[in-house]
Protein backbone atom coordinates (compact mmCIF):
# COMPACT_ATOMS: atom_id res chain seq x y z
CA UNK A 1 -0.02 -0.20 -0.38
CA UNK A 2 1.11 3.42 -0.62
CA UNK A 3 2.96 5.27 1.91
CA UNK A 4 -0.02 8.28 1.97
CA UNK A 5 -2.63 6.10 2.71
CA UNK A 6 -0.86 5.80 6.31
CA UNK A 7 -1.67 9.26 7.90
CA UNK A 8 -3.65 9.89 11.10
CA UNK A 9 -6.58 7.31 10.74
CA UNK A 10 -6.20 4.57 7.58
CA UNK A 11 -7.89 6.28 4.14
CA UNK A 12 -10.22 4.59 2.86
CA UNK A 13 -10.28 3.98 -0.98
CA UNK A 14 -13.86 3.85 -1.30
CA UNK A 15 -16.86 5.44 -3.14
CA UNK A 16 -19.38 7.54 -1.22
CA UNK A 17 -22.01 8.85 -3.01
CA UNK A 18 -21.82 12.69 -1.90
CA UNK A 19 -23.71 16.27 -2.78
CA UNK A 20 -20.90 19.13 -2.56
CA UNK A 21 -22.87 22.90 -1.85
CA UNK A 22 -20.22 25.87 -2.32
CA UNK A 23 -19.24 28.95 -4.30
CA UNK A 24 -16.77 27.70 -7.40
CA UNK A 25 -13.85 29.62 -8.28
CA UNK A 26 -15.88 32.37 -10.10
CA UNK A 27 -17.93 33.40 -6.93
CA UNK A 28 -21.08 31.23 -8.31
CA UNK A 29 -23.06 28.84 -5.85
CA UNK A 30 -23.21 25.25 -7.13
CA UNK A 31 -24.32 22.03 -5.96
CA UNK A 32 -23.40 18.72 -7.55
CA UNK A 33 -23.53 15.27 -6.99
CA UNK A 34 -20.50 13.05 -6.46
CA UNK A 35 -18.42 10.49 -4.94
CA UNK A 36 -15.35 10.40 -3.01
CA UNK A 37 -11.82 8.77 -4.25
CA UNK A 38 -11.02 8.26 -0.77
CA UNK A 39 -11.40 9.30 2.75
CA UNK A 40 -10.45 9.00 6.44
CA UNK A 41 -12.09 10.87 9.69
CA UNK A 42 -10.17 14.04 8.99
CA UNK A 43 -10.93 14.57 5.12
CA UNK A 44 -11.57 13.05 1.77
CA UNK A 45 -9.54 13.05 -1.88
CA UNK A 46 -13.38 14.45 -4.34
CA UNK A 47 -14.19 14.55 -7.91
CA UNK A 48 -15.83 17.43 -8.89
CA UNK A 49 -16.86 19.34 -12.02
CA UNK A 50 -16.67 22.55 -10.50
CA UNK A 51 -13.02 24.88 -9.35
CA UNK A 52 -12.90 25.85 -6.45
CA UNK A 53 -10.53 28.46 -4.24
CA UNK A 54 -8.24 27.10 -1.85
CA UNK A 55 -9.29 27.82 2.12
CA UNK A 56 -13.18 28.13 0.83
CA UNK A 57 -15.74 26.42 2.73
CA UNK A 58 -18.07 23.84 1.04
CA UNK A 59 -20.81 21.77 2.58
CA UNK A 60 -19.90 18.00 1.75
CA UNK A 61 -24.13 15.80 2.20
CA UNK A 62 -23.24 12.07 2.55
CA UNK A 63 -26.38 10.83 0.29
CA UNK A 64 -25.85 7.50 1.84
CA UNK A 65 -26.74 8.82 5.81
CA UNK A 66 -28.10 12.53 4.85
CA UNK A 67 -25.34 13.53 7.47
CA UNK A 68 -24.19 16.75 6.67
CA UNK A 69 -20.81 18.45 7.26
CA UNK A 70 -18.51 21.33 6.42
CA UNK A 71 -15.22 20.85 4.82
CA UNK A 72 -12.09 23.51 4.28
CA UNK A 73 -10.91 23.46 0.67
CA UNK A 74 -7.19 22.18 1.31
CA UNK A 75 -6.04 22.01 -2.91
CA UNK A 76 -6.53 20.70 -6.29
CA UNK A 77 -4.76 17.06 -7.29
CA UNK A 78 -4.57 16.35 -11.18
CA UNK A 79 -7.52 16.95 -13.74
CA UNK A 80 -8.94 13.39 -14.29
CA UNK A 81 -10.68 13.65 -17.54
CA UNK A 82 -12.44 16.74 -19.24
CA UNK A 83 -13.03 19.43 -16.61
CA UNK A 84 -13.40 16.79 -13.69
CA UNK A 85 -10.53 17.47 -10.95
CA UNK A 86 -9.70 16.05 -7.92
CA UNK A 87 -9.81 18.03 -4.89
CA UNK A 88 -8.67 17.72 -1.10
CA UNK A 89 -11.22 18.62 1.93
CA UNK A 90 -10.52 18.76 5.53
CA UNK A 91 -13.39 18.17 8.14
CA UNK A 92 -14.06 21.47 10.16
CA UNK A 93 -14.96 18.44 12.89
CA UNK A 94 -13.02 16.16 12.30
CA UNK A 95 -15.01 13.68 15.03
CA UNK A 96 -18.06 13.45 12.88
CA UNK A 97 -19.65 11.17 11.76
CA UNK A 98 -20.19 11.89 8.08
CA UNK A 99 -18.65 8.96 6.83
CA UNK A 100 -21.33 6.26 8.58
CA UNK A 101 -18.02 4.46 10.59
CA UNK A 102 -16.09 4.50 13.29
CA UNK A 103 -12.03 5.08 12.86
CA UNK A 104 -9.65 3.99 15.66
CA UNK A 105 -9.15 7.54 18.25
CA UNK A 106 -5.74 8.90 17.56
CA UNK A 107 -3.81 11.22 20.15
CA UNK A 108 -3.07 14.72 18.37
CA UNK A 109 0.88 14.69 19.17
CA UNK A 110 1.05 11.28 17.04
CA UNK A 111 0.27 13.84 14.15
CA UNK A 112 3.55 13.87 11.68
CA UNK A 113 4.89 17.34 11.39
CA UNK A 114 7.06 18.64 8.42
CA UNK A 115 8.98 22.08 8.13
CA UNK A 116 7.18 24.41 5.71
CA UNK A 117 6.89 28.71 4.77
CA UNK A 118 4.41 30.73 3.44
CA UNK A 119 5.50 32.00 0.04
CA UNK A 120 4.54 35.55 0.66
CA UNK A 121 6.74 36.40 3.89
CA UNK A 122 8.82 33.52 4.05
CA UNK A 123 7.97 32.57 7.42
CA UNK A 124 9.16 29.00 8.19
CA UNK A 125 7.50 26.47 10.90
CA UNK A 126 7.37 22.97 11.57
CA UNK A 127 3.87 22.17 11.61
CA UNK A 128 1.47 19.45 11.73
CA UNK A 129 0.15 18.44 8.71
CA UNK A 130 -3.65 16.55 8.02
CA UNK A 131 -3.76 13.25 5.71
CA UNK A 132 -5.07 15.59 2.91
CA UNK A 133 -2.84 18.31 3.41
CA UNK A 134 -0.22 16.16 2.90
CA UNK A 135 -1.27 14.34 0.05
CA UNK A 136 -2.11 17.38 -1.65
CA UNK A 137 1.80 19.27 -0.56
CA UNK A 138 3.24 15.74 -2.34
CA UNK A 139 0.79 16.50 -5.26
CA UNK A 140 1.45 20.21 -6.34
CA UNK A 141 4.10 21.34 -3.84
CA UNK A 142 1.52 23.69 -2.07
CA UNK A 143 -0.84 24.16 0.14
CA UNK A 144 -2.99 26.72 1.39
CA UNK A 145 -3.58 27.90 4.65
CA UNK A 146 -3.17 31.42 7.19
CA UNK A 147 -0.27 32.76 8.02
CA UNK A 148 -0.35 34.73 11.16
CA UNK A 149 2.53 37.45 9.78
CA UNK A 150 0.43 37.97 6.65
CA UNK A 151 -3.09 38.72 8.80
CA UNK A 152 -4.27 36.57 5.86
CA UNK A 153 -4.73 33.24 4.05
CA UNK A 154 -1.55 32.38 1.59
CA UNK A 155 0.23 29.29 -0.06
CA UNK A 156 2.64 27.68 1.81
CA UNK A 157 5.63 24.92 0.56
CA UNK A 158 8.22 23.08 1.86
CA UNK A 159 10.99 24.95 3.95
CA UNK A 160 14.89 24.37 3.14
CA UNK A 161 15.83 26.68 6.04
CA UNK A 162 16.33 24.27 8.51
CA UNK A 163 18.90 22.28 6.50
CA UNK A 164 22.61 23.22 6.83
CA UNK A 165 24.52 24.91 3.70
CA UNK A 166 26.72 21.96 4.08
CA UNK A 167 24.21 19.39 3.91
CA UNK A 168 23.17 21.28 0.44
CA UNK A 169 26.41 21.65 -1.06
CA UNK A 170 27.35 17.69 -0.52
CA UNK A 171 23.74 16.91 -1.50
CA UNK A 172 23.78 18.55 -5.06
CA UNK A 173 26.65 16.18 -5.74
CA UNK A 174 24.40 13.30 -6.35
CA UNK A 175 24.20 9.71 -5.73
CA UNK A 176 27.74 7.94 -5.36
CA UNK A 177 29.96 7.60 -8.53
CA UNK A 178 28.94 4.46 -10.38
CA UNK A 179 25.28 4.85 -9.10
CA UNK A 180 22.90 5.29 -11.38
CA UNK A 181 19.02 6.91 -9.96
CA UNK A 182 16.06 6.52 -11.91
CA UNK A 183 13.35 9.61 -11.36
CA UNK A 184 10.19 8.43 -12.59
CA UNK A 185 8.37 10.68 -10.47
CA UNK A 186 9.15 14.02 -9.46
CA UNK A 187 10.40 15.03 -5.98
CA UNK A 188 9.58 17.04 -4.12
CA UNK A 189 11.93 18.85 -0.67
CA UNK A 190 10.56 17.93 2.38
CA UNK A 191 11.82 17.94 5.52
CA UNK A 192 9.84 15.09 8.01
CA UNK A 193 10.97 12.31 10.30
CA UNK A 194 11.02 8.77 9.21
CA UNK A 195 11.48 5.63 11.22
CA UNK A 196 13.99 3.35 9.06
CA UNK A 197 14.64 -0.39 10.04
CA UNK A 198 16.39 -3.09 8.17
CA UNK A 199 16.16 -7.17 8.06
CA UNK A 200 18.72 -7.10 10.59
CA UNK A 201 16.99 -4.96 13.53
CA UNK A 202 18.70 -1.97 13.59
CA UNK A 203 16.10 0.99 13.79
CA UNK A 204 17.11 4.11 12.85
CA UNK A 205 14.83 7.84 13.50
CA UNK A 206 16.02 9.76 10.41
CA UNK A 207 15.09 13.12 8.45
CA UNK A 208 13.99 12.78 4.91
CA UNK A 209 15.84 15.58 2.41
CA UNK A 210 12.63 15.14 -0.86
CA UNK A 211 10.11 12.36 -1.37
CA UNK A 212 7.98 11.32 -3.82
CA UNK A 213 5.68 8.85 -4.59
CA UNK A 214 8.25 6.40 -5.85
CA UNK A 215 10.98 6.92 -3.22
CA UNK A 216 12.82 9.47 -1.26
CA UNK A 217 15.93 10.57 0.14
CA UNK A 218 16.82 10.90 4.02
CA UNK A 219 20.00 11.56 5.85
CA UNK A 220 21.07 9.09 9.05
CA UNK A 221 24.07 8.24 10.91
CA UNK A 222 23.57 4.18 10.18
CA UNK A 223 25.14 2.68 7.75
CA UNK A 224 23.14 1.06 5.09
CA UNK A 225 24.47 -0.30 1.74
CA UNK A 226 22.85 -0.18 -1.77
CA UNK A 227 20.90 -3.20 -2.31
CA UNK A 228 19.69 -3.55 1.43
CA UNK A 229 16.11 -4.27 1.96
CA UNK A 230 14.98 -1.65 4.34
CA UNK A 231 11.27 -1.01 5.99
CA UNK A 232 10.25 2.50 6.36
CA UNK A 233 7.56 4.56 8.49
CA UNK A 234 6.48 7.31 6.41
CA UNK A 235 5.71 10.40 8.50
CA UNK A 236 6.83 9.15 11.58
CA UNK A 237 5.64 10.79 15.10
CA UNK A 238 6.20 9.26 18.17
CA UNK A 239 3.26 7.68 19.93
CA UNK A 240 1.71 6.04 16.53
CA UNK A 241 2.32 2.42 15.56
CA UNK A 242 4.71 2.07 13.01
CA UNK A 243 3.12 1.15 9.40
CA UNK A 244 6.12 0.53 7.75
CA UNK A 245 6.62 0.04 3.52
CA UNK A 246 9.14 -2.19 2.03
CA UNK A 247 11.86 0.00 0.40
CA UNK A 248 15.47 -0.57 -1.31
CA UNK A 249 18.63 1.50 -1.08
CA UNK A 250 19.69 2.64 -4.75
CA UNK A 251 22.90 5.03 -3.55
CA UNK A 252 24.23 5.96 -0.78
CA UNK A 253 27.10 9.31 -0.08
CA UNK A 254 28.18 11.31 2.75
CA UNK A 255 27.53 14.03 4.43
CA UNK A 256 28.83 16.08 7.55
CA UNK A 257 25.62 15.46 9.30
CA UNK A 258 25.62 11.65 8.15
CA UNK A 259 24.70 9.77 5.21
CA UNK A 260 22.40 10.26 2.30
CA UNK A 261 20.70 7.20 1.42
CA UNK A 262 18.50 7.25 -1.94
CA UNK A 263 15.58 4.82 -1.68
CA UNK A 264 13.07 3.10 -4.43
CA UNK A 265 9.54 1.81 -2.90
CA UNK A 266 9.29 -1.49 -3.44
CA UNK A 267 5.48 -2.07 -4.84
């Protein structure tokens, strides 16, 4: 299963018949019957022919049980076909029973965090991300949220302000000599904690340098070798049960703060 499906509560890949009511990007009100692509307790990925504006509020009604709840628009995913696009929306009431099922409770302290910055004022913060925010950030590189300094909703992107210049210089040299790295998908520079475990029981809480849907690069003080199979929990936060994805080390490189490792997920 993809790493994207493992957030504060497990993502359910299932179509739920819903009605979405709100204002489109032109400010014109609409009501559209559609379905969910996926959902969990904190939000959903929905398919719409109407365009939305990030941070707007829409009303979502589950047509199977009649429950209505307000959701915040986090951002857009890819265009599916024609004018239809997928959107990420976050529930204003995360304890709502709109989906007609119970989710395992989660401690807010176990919510994964990432370093992001306001694109307008460059203010950086280590911020907790909801499941749908993480998905939108990985897909588009931007999320919308309120900036206290700007006193308005702005676009936020992954920040590199916590990464030392030495690490950046060393990393730009690329993979170790003789190792060819295949980039099948765009990588997003994103600083997050992850948990790494190999088959011999070596465990480390490391830090990502960049991530994508196909792989990632992380920095660790532990030594691994190209070809090693490892098990990754991403994002990782203390208090959460590790849900691991099998992966493989593709390349390594030495840096001043540890070792860089290029990883591909094993599907």
